[in-house]
């Protein structure tokens, strides 16, 4: 009896739940609306074709047109002109080596006038070589002049002609430059000759002062 009652209660609850929720379960779901997007249309405007202009025809037979044609400037051909660089190029002499000015600190050595019988201070009579019985002789080794650095760098050779006096002791005095190819060689030549030693010249068996003249050559090949 009790078992039948329990089964009836369960069946009754099942049926009530079925009727209560079955409608929601069996109810059809609403369909979503489909929205179509409109694609914008682009309109392309095509420009009208350009009509060629008619060439103006000039009648040269008319007087006014003949005068205008005679005054018209000549047409120039669009051809690039070729410029010859030699027309604008001028040969430029290379500049002298730097620091070729007169050497600073060079002492000017006074000299007496050449000639037999001229007198220099503390020397006495000065004779020429042709007037001597025995000419001065070199004693020891003659010092070579120092080649100027600027002239060596420039690759220049030169020559200096010097005139000087060999006194009765055989010392060189009164050195002067007669001529030179480059002034930059003069100081080096003078300084070298002042270091030379001679056996003095003789006249009448006595040593005398003698005037001499020699060239000093500067040659890079001899270096």
C-alpha atoms as a PDB file:
ATOM      1  CA  UNK A   1       0.000   0.000   0.000  1.00  0.00           C
ATOM      2  CA  UNK A   2       2.752   2.358   1.022  1.00  0.00           C
ATOM      3  CA  UNK A   3       4.806   1.395  -2.022  1.00  0.00           C
ATOM      4  CA  UNK A   4       1.972   2.247  -4.404  1.00  0.00           C
ATOM      5  CA  UNK A   5       1.569   5.613  -2.749  1.00  0.00           C
ATOM      6  CA  UNK A   6       5.225   6.468  -3.204  1.00  0.00           C
ATOM      7  CA  UNK A   7       5.167   5.469  -6.868  1.00  0.00           C
ATOM      8  CA  UNK A   8       2.065   7.588  -7.449  1.00  0.00           C
ATOM      9  CA  UNK A   9       3.680  10.642  -5.832  1.00  0.00           C
ATOM     10  CA  UNK A  10       6.833  10.246  -7.973  1.00  0.00           C
ATOM     11  CA  UNK A  11       4.822   9.895 -11.177  1.00  0.00           C
ATOM     12  CA  UNK A  12       2.713  12.929 -10.233  1.00  0.00           C
ATOM     13  CA  UNK A  13       5.844  15.090  -9.636  1.00  0.00           C
ATOM     14  CA  UNK A  14       7.375  13.929 -12.894  1.00  0.00           C
ATOM     15  CA  UNK A  15       4.283  14.849 -14.867  1.00  0.00           C
ATOM     16  CA  UNK A  16       4.009  18.288 -13.252  1.00  0.00           C
ATOM     17  CA  UNK A  17       7.678  18.970 -14.044  1.00  0.00           C
ATOM     18  CA  UNK A  18       7.258  17.762 -17.585  1.00  0.00           C
ATOM     19  CA  UNK A  19       4.315  20.075 -18.183  1.00  0.00           C
ATOM     20  CA  UNK A  20       6.029  22.958 -16.444  1.00  0.00           C
ATOM     21  CA  UNK A  21       9.410  22.841 -18.250  1.00  0.00           C
ATOM     22  CA  UNK A  22       8.499  20.960 -21.352  1.00  0.00           C
ATOM     23  CA  UNK A  23       6.966  24.000 -22.948  1.00  0.00           C
ATOM     24  CA  UNK A  24      10.199  25.919 -22.550  1.00  0.00           C
ATOM     25  CA  UNK A  25      12.246  23.043 -23.936  1.00  0.00           C
ATOM     26  CA  UNK A  26      10.014  22.368 -26.898  1.00  0.00           C
ATOM     27  CA  UNK A  27       9.525  26.045 -27.719  1.00  0.00           C
ATOM     28  CA  UNK A  28      11.335  26.849 -31.020  1.00  0.00           C
ATOM     29  CA  UNK A  29      14.217  29.321 -30.784  1.00  0.00           C
ATOM     30  CA  UNK A  30      13.787  32.641 -32.670  1.00  0.00           C
ATOM     31  CA  UNK A  31      15.852  33.067 -35.800  1.00  0.00           C
ATOM     32  CA  UNK A  32      18.441  35.879 -35.970  1.00  0.00           C
ATOM     33  CA  UNK A  33      17.794  38.519 -38.575  1.00  0.00           C
ATOM     34  CA  UNK A  34      20.472  38.680 -41.294  1.00  0.00           C
ATOM     35  CA  UNK A  35      21.481  42.229 -42.178  1.00  0.00           C
ATOM     36  CA  UNK A  36      23.051  42.785 -45.566  1.00  0.00           C
ATOM     37  CA  UNK A  37      25.623  45.556 -45.805  1.00  0.00           C
ATOM     38  CA  UNK A  38      25.404  47.694 -48.870  1.00  0.00           C
ATOM     39  CA  UNK A  39      28.624  48.059 -50.827  1.00  0.00           C
ATOM     40  CA  UNK A  40      29.185  51.703 -51.778  1.00  0.00           C
ATOM     41  CA  UNK A  41      29.558  52.247 -55.466  1.00  0.00           C
ATOM     42  CA  UNK A  42      32.449  54.433 -56.706  1.00  0.00           C
ATOM     43  CA  UNK A  43      31.804  56.450 -59.800  1.00  0.00           C
ATOM     44  CA  UNK A  44      34.865  57.285 -61.887  1.00  0.00           C
ATOM     45  CA  UNK A  45      34.665  60.411 -63.983  1.00  0.00           C
ATOM     46  CA  UNK A  46      36.504  60.157 -67.279  1.00  0.00           C
ATOM     47  CA  UNK A  47      37.732  63.540 -68.621  1.00  0.00           C
ATOM     48  CA  UNK A  48      36.721  64.381 -72.149  1.00  0.00           C
ATOM     49  CA  UNK A  49      39.412  63.916 -74.800  1.00  0.00           C
ATOM     50  CA  UNK A  50      41.531  66.933 -75.630  1.00  0.00           C
ATOM     51  CA  UNK A  51      40.949  68.195 -79.081  1.00  0.00           C
ATOM     52  CA  UNK A  52      44.120  69.197 -80.975  1.00  0.00           C
ATOM     53  CA  UNK A  53      44.418  72.854 -81.760  1.00  0.00           C
ATOM     54  CA  UNK A  54      44.625  73.849 -85.358  1.00  0.00           C
ATOM     55  CA  UNK A  55      48.036  75.166 -86.374  1.00  0.00           C
ATOM     56  CA  UNK A  56      47.966  78.798 -87.327  1.00  0.00           C
ATOM     57  CA  UNK A  57      48.805  79.253 -90.950  1.00  0.00           C
ATOM     58  CA  UNK A  58      50.718  82.402 -91.750  1.00  0.00           C
ATOM     59  CA  UNK A  59      50.547  83.737 -95.220  1.00  0.00           C
ATOM     60  CA  UNK A  60      53.960  85.093 -96.084  1.00  0.00           C
ATOM     61  CA  UNK A  61      52.638  86.716 -99.237  1.00  0.00           C
ATOM     62  CA  UNK A  62      51.082  89.518 -97.192  1.00  0.00           C
ATOM     63  CA  UNK A  63      53.353  92.543 -96.616  1.00  0.00           C
ATOM     64  CA  UNK A  64      52.970  92.569 -92.829  1.00  0.00           C
ATOM     65  CA  UNK A  65      53.821  88.875 -92.540  1.00  0.00           C
ATOM     66  CA  UNK A  66      56.908  89.235 -94.772  1.00  0.00           C
ATOM     67  CA  UNK A  67      58.277  92.034 -92.577  1.00  0.00           C
ATOM     68  CA  UNK A  68      57.688  89.992 -89.376  1.00  0.00           C
ATOM     69  CA  UNK A  69      59.422  86.963 -90.917  1.00  0.00           C
ATOM     70  CA  UNK A  70      62.489  89.045 -91.837  1.00  0.00           C
ATOM     71  CA  UNK A  71      62.763  90.420 -88.261  1.00  0.00           C
ATOM     72  CA  UNK A  72      62.368  87.053 -86.526  1.00  0.00           C
ATOM     73  CA  UNK A  73      65.556  85.963 -84.685  1.00  0.00           C
ATOM     74  CA  UNK A  74      67.312  82.907 -86.030  1.00  0.00           C
ATOM     75  CA  UNK A  75      66.593  79.707 -84.205  1.00  0.00           C
ATOM     76  CA  UNK A  76      69.405  78.207 -82.162  1.00  0.00           C
ATOM     77  CA  UNK A  77      70.140  74.544 -82.215  1.00  0.00           C
ATOM     78  CA  UNK A  78      69.930  72.922 -78.816  1.00  0.00           C
ATOM     79  CA  UNK A  79      73.420  71.487 -78.977  1.00  0.00           C
ATOM     80  CA  UNK A  80      75.698  71.919 -75.944  1.00  0.00           C
ATOM     81  CA  UNK A  81      78.774  73.903 -76.817  1.00  0.00           C
ATOM     82  CA  UNK A  82      82.131  72.313 -76.137  1.00  0.00           C
ATOM     83  CA  UNK A  83      84.550  74.508 -74.184  1.00  0.00           C
ATOM     84  CA  UNK A  84      88.232  73.904 -74.684  1.00  0.00           C
ATOM     85  CA  UNK A  85      89.933  74.022 -71.305  1.00  0.00           C
ATOM     86  CA  UNK A  86      93.124  75.260 -72.908  1.00  0.00           C
ATOM     87  CA  UNK A  87      91.397  78.551 -73.701  1.00  0.00           C
ATOM     88  CA  UNK A  88      91.011  79.292 -70.001  1.00  0.00           C
ATOM     89  CA  UNK A  89      94.101  77.531 -68.664  1.00  0.00           C
ATOM     90  CA  UNK A  90      97.204  79.563 -67.975  1.00  0.00           C
ATOM     91  CA  UNK A  91     100.489  77.938 -67.151  1.00  0.00           C
ATOM     92  CA  UNK A  92     101.511  78.806 -63.625  1.00  0.00           C
ATOM     93  CA  UNK A  93     105.106  78.668 -62.590  1.00  0.00           C
ATOM     94  CA  UNK A  94     105.686  76.500 -59.524  1.00  0.00           C
ATOM     95  CA  UNK A  95     106.247  78.572 -56.389  1.00  0.00           C
ATOM     96  CA  UNK A  96     109.768  78.719 -55.006  1.00  0.00           C
ATOM     97  CA  UNK A  97     110.568  76.426 -52.108  1.00  0.00           C
ATOM     98  CA  UNK A  98     109.538  77.857 -48.741  1.00  0.00           C
ATOM     99  CA  UNK A  99     112.001  79.785 -46.606  1.00  0.00           C
ATOM    100  CA  UNK A 100     114.204  80.719 -49.541  1.00  0.00           C
ATOM    101  CA  UNK A 101     114.577  84.282 -48.411  1.00  0.00           C
ATOM    102  CA  UNK A 102     117.814  85.832 -47.393  1.00  0.00           C
ATOM    103  CA  UNK A 103     119.158  83.779 -44.473  1.00  0.00           C
ATOM    104  CA  UNK A 104     118.825  85.644 -41.228  1.00  0.00           C
ATOM    105  CA  UNK A 105     121.818  86.163 -39.020  1.00  0.00           C
ATOM    106  CA  UNK A 106     124.325  86.279 -41.921  1.00  0.00           C
ATOM    107  CA  UNK A 107     127.253  88.542 -41.128  1.00  0.00           C
ATOM    108  CA  UNK A 108     128.404  90.879 -43.886  1.00  0.00           C
ATOM    109  CA  UNK A 109     132.154  90.538 -44.166  1.00  0.00           C
ATOM    110  CA  UNK A 110     133.886  93.739 -45.290  1.00  0.00           C
ATOM    111  CA  UNK A 111     136.381  93.421 -48.088  1.00  0.00           C
ATOM    112  CA  UNK A 112     138.973  95.685 -49.581  1.00  0.00           C
ATOM    113  CA  UNK A 113     139.016  96.587 -53.232  1.00  0.00           C
ATOM    114  CA  UNK A 114     140.939  94.066 -55.362  1.00  0.00           C
ATOM    115  CA  UNK A 115     144.294  94.916 -56.834  1.00  0.00           C
ATOM    116  CA  UNK A 116     147.948  94.899 -56.020  1.00  0.00           C
ATOM    117  CA  UNK A 117     149.083  97.256 -53.325  1.00  0.00           C
ATOM    118  CA  UNK A 118     145.618  97.806 -51.741  1.00  0.00           C
ATOM    119  CA  UNK A 119     145.627  98.025 -47.968  1.00  0.00           C
ATOM    120  CA  UNK A 120     143.290  96.126 -45.613  1.00  0.00           C
ATOM    121  CA  UNK A 121     143.185  96.663 -41.848  1.00  0.00           C
ATOM    122  CA  UNK A 122     146.012  94.883 -40.003  1.00  0.00           C
ATOM    123  CA  UNK A 123     147.098  93.025 -43.144  1.00  0.00           C
ATOM    124  CA  UNK A 124     149.436  95.353 -44.973  1.00  0.00           C
ATOM    125  CA  UNK A 125     150.058  95.182 -48.671  1.00  0.00           C
ATOM    126  CA  UNK A 126     147.937  92.669 -50.609  1.00  0.00           C
ATOM    127  CA  UNK A 127     149.402  91.091 -53.728  1.00  0.00           C
ATOM    128  CA  UNK A 128     147.831  89.301 -56.638  1.00  0.00           C
ATOM    129  CA  UNK A 129     148.887  85.752 -57.513  1.00  0.00           C
ATOM    130  CA  UNK A 130     150.779  86.851 -60.601  1.00  0.00           C
ATOM    131  CA  UNK A 131     153.005  89.112 -58.488  1.00  0.00           C
ATOM    132  CA  UNK A 132     154.175  86.365 -56.100  1.00  0.00           C
ATOM    133  CA  UNK A 133     157.249  84.213 -56.111  1.00  0.00           C
ATOM    134  CA  UNK A 134     155.278  81.402 -54.451  1.00  0.00           C
ATOM    135  CA  UNK A 135     151.471  81.164 -54.408  1.00  0.00           C
ATOM    136  CA  UNK A 136     149.565  80.099 -51.260  1.00  0.00           C
ATOM    137  CA  UNK A 137     149.270  76.351 -50.746  1.00  0.00           C
ATOM    138  CA  UNK A 138     146.366  74.563 -49.098  1.00  0.00           C
ATOM    139  CA  UNK A 139     147.229  73.274 -45.663  1.00  0.00           C
ATOM    140  CA  UNK A 140     145.187  70.388 -44.288  1.00  0.00           C
ATOM    141  CA  UNK A 141     141.728  69.411 -45.512  1.00  0.00           C
ATOM    142  CA  UNK A 142     139.425  72.051 -46.944  1.00  0.00           C
ATOM    143  CA  UNK A 143     136.012  72.012 -45.227  1.00  0.00           C
ATOM    144  CA  UNK A 144     133.154  71.386 -47.613  1.00  0.00           C
ATOM    145  CA  UNK A 145     130.237  73.814 -47.429  1.00  0.00           C
ATOM    146  CA  UNK A 146     126.957  72.662 -45.919  1.00  0.00           C
ATOM    147  CA  UNK A 147     124.299  72.173 -48.580  1.00  0.00           C
ATOM    148  CA  UNK A 148     121.344  74.460 -47.710  1.00  0.00           C
ATOM    149  CA  UNK A 149     118.372  72.352 -46.678  1.00  0.00           C
ATOM    150  CA  UNK A 150     115.857  74.320 -48.739  1.00  0.00           C
ATOM    151  CA  UNK A 151     117.933  74.014 -51.901  1.00  0.00           C
ATOM    152  CA  UNK A 152     118.543  70.303 -51.323  1.00  0.00           C
ATOM    153  CA  UNK A 153     114.812  69.719 -50.881  1.00  0.00           C
ATOM    154  CA  UNK A 154     114.118  71.669 -54.059  1.00  0.00           C
ATOM    155  CA  UNK A 155     116.767  69.646 -55.953  1.00  0.00           C
ATOM    156  CA  UNK A 156     118.710  72.745 -57.047  1.00  0.00           C
ATOM    157  CA  UNK A 157     122.422  72.961 -57.847  1.00  0.00           C
ATOM    158  CA  UNK A 158     124.403  76.168 -57.727  1.00  0.00           C
ATOM    159  CA  UNK A 159     127.730  77.954 -57.829  1.00  0.00           C
ATOM    160  CA  UNK A 160     129.181  80.838 -55.822  1.00  0.00           C
ATOM    161  CA  UNK A 161     132.348  82.721 -56.855  1.00  0.00           C
ATOM    162  CA  UNK A 162     134.202  84.107 -53.824  1.00  0.00           C
ATOM    163  CA  UNK A 163     137.093  86.520 -53.469  1.00  0.00           C
ATOM    164  CA  UNK A 164     139.116  86.603 -50.262  1.00  0.00           C
ATOM    165  CA  UNK A 165     142.495  87.392 -48.757  1.00  0.00           C
ATOM    166  CA  UNK A 166     145.015  84.900 -47.363  1.00  0.00           C
ATOM    167  CA  UNK A 167     147.018  86.806 -44.744  1.00  0.00           C
ATOM    168  CA  UNK A 168     150.641  86.247 -43.709  1.00  0.00           C
ATOM    169  CA  UNK A 169     149.515  83.576 -41.199  1.00  0.00           C
ATOM    170  CA  UNK A 170     147.645  81.604 -43.846  1.00  0.00           C
ATOM    171  CA  UNK A 171     144.186  82.517 -42.497  1.00  0.00           C
ATOM    172  CA  UNK A 172     141.291  83.487 -44.791  1.00  0.00           C
ATOM    173  CA  UNK A 173     139.936  87.013 -44.350  1.00  0.00           C
ATOM    174  CA  UNK A 174     137.726  89.561 -46.113  1.00  0.00           C
ATOM    175  CA  UNK A 175     135.498  87.043 -47.936  1.00  0.00           C
ATOM    176  CA  UNK A 176     133.120  88.598 -50.472  1.00  0.00           C
ATOM    177  CA  UNK A 177     130.739  87.226 -53.096  1.00  0.00           C
ATOM    178  CA  UNK A 178     131.525  88.102 -56.693  1.00  0.00           C
ATOM    179  CA  UNK A 179     128.530  86.306 -58.198  1.00  0.00           C
ATOM    180  CA  UNK A 180     126.208  83.389 -57.419  1.00  0.00           C
ATOM    181  CA  UNK A 181     123.517  81.389 -59.174  1.00  0.00           C
ATOM    182  CA  UNK A 182     121.321  81.390 -56.060  1.00  0.00           C
ATOM    183  CA  UNK A 183     121.672  83.767 -53.119  1.00  0.00           C
ATOM    184  CA  UNK A 184     120.781  80.926 -50.741  1.00  0.00           C
ATOM    185  CA  UNK A 185     124.198  79.308 -51.441  1.00  0.00           C
ATOM    186  CA  UNK A 186     126.247  82.387 -50.561  1.00  0.00           C
ATOM    187  CA  UNK A 187     126.255  82.114 -46.766  1.00  0.00           C
ATOM    188  CA  UNK A 188     127.201  78.412 -46.770  1.00  0.00           C
ATOM    189  CA  UNK A 189     130.078  79.075 -49.190  1.00  0.00           C
ATOM    190  CA  UNK A 190     131.455  81.981 -47.119  1.00  0.00           C
ATOM    191  CA  UNK A 191     131.316  80.047 -43.861  1.00  0.00           C
ATOM    192  CA  UNK A 192     133.179  77.096 -45.406  1.00  0.00           C
ATOM    193  CA  UNK A 193     135.996  79.213 -46.897  1.00  0.00           C
ATOM    194  CA  UNK A 194     136.574  81.031 -43.593  1.00  0.00           C
ATOM    195  CA  UNK A 195     137.629  77.652 -42.081  1.00  0.00           C
ATOM    196  CA  UNK A 196     140.300  76.975 -44.709  1.00  0.00           C
ATOM    197  CA  UNK A 197     144.018  77.156 -43.916  1.00  0.00           C
ATOM    198  CA  UNK A 198     146.872  78.018 -46.301  1.00  0.00           C
ATOM    199  CA  UNK A 199     150.619  78.281 -46.383  1.00  0.00           C
ATOM    200  CA  UNK A 200     150.924  82.012 -47.123  1.00  0.00           C
ATOM    201  CA  UNK A 201     152.246  83.226 -50.436  1.00  0.00           C
ATOM    202  CA  UNK A 202     155.783  84.589 -50.639  1.00  0.00           C
ATOM    203  CA  UNK A 203     157.455  87.495 -52.360  1.00  0.00           C
ATOM    204  CA  UNK A 204     161.122  88.233 -51.939  1.00  0.00           C
ATOM    205  CA  UNK A 205     161.380  85.300 -49.529  1.00  0.00           C
ATOM    206  CA  UNK A 206     158.890  86.790 -47.100  1.00  0.00           C
ATOM    207  CA  UNK A 207     155.215  85.776 -46.431  1.00  0.00           C
ATOM    208  CA  UNK A 208     152.753  88.301 -47.816  1.00  0.00           C
ATOM    209  CA  UNK A 209     148.989  88.707 -47.960  1.00  0.00           C
ATOM    210  CA  UNK A 210     147.495  87.423 -51.182  1.00  0.00           C
ATOM    211  CA  UNK A 211     144.158  88.042 -52.842  1.00  0.00           C
ATOM    212  CA  UNK A 212     142.517  84.926 -54.269  1.00  0.00           C
ATOM    213  CA  UNK A 213     139.328  84.090 -56.152  1.00  0.00           C
ATOM    214  CA  UNK A 214     137.757  80.615 -56.406  1.00  0.00           C
ATOM    215  CA  UNK A 215     134.364  79.087 -57.362  1.00  0.00           C
ATOM    216  CA  UNK A 216     132.424  77.000 -54.856  1.00  0.00           C
ATOM    217  CA  UNK A 217     130.183  74.448 -56.621  1.00  0.00           C
ATOM    218  CA  UNK A 218     127.066  72.935 -55.032  1.00  0.00           C
ATOM    219  CA  UNK A 219     126.074  69.719 -56.789  1.00  0.00           C
ATOM    220  CA  UNK A 220     123.659  67.131 -55.397  1.00  0.00           C
ATOM    221  CA  UNK A 221     125.406  64.393 -57.354  1.00  0.00           C
ATOM    222  CA  UNK A 222     128.633  65.077 -55.483  1.00  0.00           C
ATOM    223  CA  UNK A 223     126.823  64.574 -52.177  1.00  0.00           C
END
